[in-house]
Protein backbone atom coordinates (compact mmCIF):
# COMPACT_ATOMS: atom_id res chain seq x y z
CA MET A 1 4.17 11.08 24.11
CA PRO A 2 4.48 9.85 20.52
CA ASP A 3 7.59 10.57 18.52
CA SER A 4 7.21 13.08 15.68
CA TRP A 5 8.12 12.22 12.10
CA GLY A 6 11.31 14.21 12.54
CA ASP A 7 12.17 12.35 15.75
CA ILE A 8 11.68 9.01 14.03
CA ARG A 9 13.78 9.98 11.01
CA ALA A 10 16.53 11.26 13.32
CA LYS A 11 16.46 8.07 15.40
CA LEU A 12 16.65 5.87 12.28
CA ALA A 13 19.48 7.98 10.85
CA LYS A 14 21.40 7.62 14.15
CA TRP A 15 20.93 3.83 14.11
CA LEU A 16 22.14 3.72 10.50
CA ARG A 17 25.22 5.85 11.28
CA ASP A 18 26.01 4.26 14.64
CA PRO A 19 24.60 0.75 15.11
CA ALA A 20 26.61 0.46 18.33
CA SER A 21 24.23 2.97 19.96
CA VAL A 22 21.61 0.19 19.94
CA ALA A 23 24.05 -2.67 20.49
CA ASP A 24 25.16 -0.94 23.70
CA GLU A 25 21.65 -1.58 25.03
CA GLY A 26 22.25 -5.32 24.65
CA LEU A 27 20.28 -5.61 21.42
CA ILE A 28 21.26 -6.71 17.94
CA PRO A 29 21.17 -3.38 16.10
CA PRO A 30 18.71 -2.86 13.26
CA SER A 31 20.17 -3.78 9.87
CA ALA A 32 20.56 -1.22 7.11
CA ALA A 33 17.90 -3.14 5.12
CA SER A 34 15.31 -2.86 7.92
CA ILE A 35 16.06 0.83 8.48
CA GLN A 36 15.85 1.59 4.75
CA ALA A 37 12.50 -0.27 4.58
CA VAL A 38 11.07 1.88 7.40
CA LEU A 39 12.39 5.07 5.79
CA ALA A 40 10.83 4.10 2.45
CA ARG A 41 7.48 3.50 4.16
CA LEU A 42 7.76 6.83 5.98
CA GLU A 43 8.29 8.64 2.71
CA ARG A 44 5.13 7.11 1.26
CA TRP A 45 3.01 7.73 4.36
CA SER A 46 4.34 10.98 5.78
CA PRO A 47 2.02 13.31 3.84
CA PHE A 48 -1.02 11.47 5.22
CA TRP A 49 -0.15 10.04 8.63
CA VAL A 50 -1.10 12.01 11.75
CA TRP A 51 -1.58 9.36 14.44
CA GLY A 52 0.82 8.87 17.30
CA LEU A 53 3.69 6.52 16.54
CA ARG A 54 7.09 5.28 17.61
CA VAL A 55 9.95 3.25 16.24
CA ILE A 56 11.97 0.80 18.33
CA PRO A 57 14.54 -1.92 17.60
CA ASN A 58 13.07 -5.43 17.75
CA GLY A 59 16.32 -6.80 19.19
CA ASP A 60 16.90 -9.23 16.29
CA GLY A 61 18.28 -6.81 13.69
CA GLY A 62 14.91 -5.37 12.73
CA VAL A 63 12.67 -2.41 13.53
CA ILE A 64 9.14 -2.12 14.95
CA TYR A 65 7.12 0.82 13.66
CA GLU A 66 3.95 1.53 15.69
CA TRP A 67 0.99 3.86 15.56
CA GLY A 68 -2.54 4.06 16.86
CA ARG A 69 -5.57 6.09 17.75
CA GLY A 70 -7.51 5.66 20.96
CA SER A 71 -7.56 1.99 21.91
CA HIS A 72 -6.62 0.78 18.42
CA TRP A 73 -3.00 0.12 17.49
CA GLU A 74 -1.10 -1.18 14.51
CA THR A 75 2.50 -2.26 14.05
CA LEU A 76 4.75 -3.10 11.17
CA GLU A 77 7.70 -5.20 12.19
CA PHE A 78 10.54 -5.02 9.70
CA ALA A 79 12.83 -8.05 9.83
CA GLU A 80 16.58 -7.86 9.38
CA ASP A 81 16.12 -8.46 5.61
CA GLY A 82 13.64 -5.55 5.28
CA SER A 83 10.51 -7.71 4.93
CA ALA A 84 7.51 -6.57 7.00
CA GLU A 85 4.75 -8.19 9.04
CA GLU A 86 1.68 -6.20 10.07
CA ARG A 87 -0.28 -6.58 13.33
CA PHE A 88 -3.30 -4.67 14.57
CA GLY A 89 -5.85 -4.77 17.36
CA LYS A 90 -7.15 -3.05 20.48
CA ALA A 91 -5.06 -1.88 23.43
CA GLU A 92 -6.26 -4.69 25.73
CA GLN A 93 -4.83 -7.23 23.24
CA ARG A 94 -1.29 -5.89 23.49
CA LYS A 95 1.20 -8.04 25.32
CA ASP A 96 3.50 -5.23 26.48
CA GLY A 97 0.78 -3.18 28.17
CA ASP A 98 1.47 0.06 26.27
């Protein structure tokens, strides 16, 4: 089940307050710059976005923000410095099988 906007904001706020909560999972926690970049994007998109989505650490100090409809998906991966790279495609093209 996709995370709600509120769930995503709460998760990002937790990571910002307590980076160790992600580091405990063996990952490099998301940087403040990457979290702030996702939050800024959320603020711009939240009035319009209704598709399912999730936010996960990328393991290298960044954040992956994902959404989709049907077999189509799109991701924005925010690097540790807050820069973003966009990817999109169909479900059968995904490497992780989600």
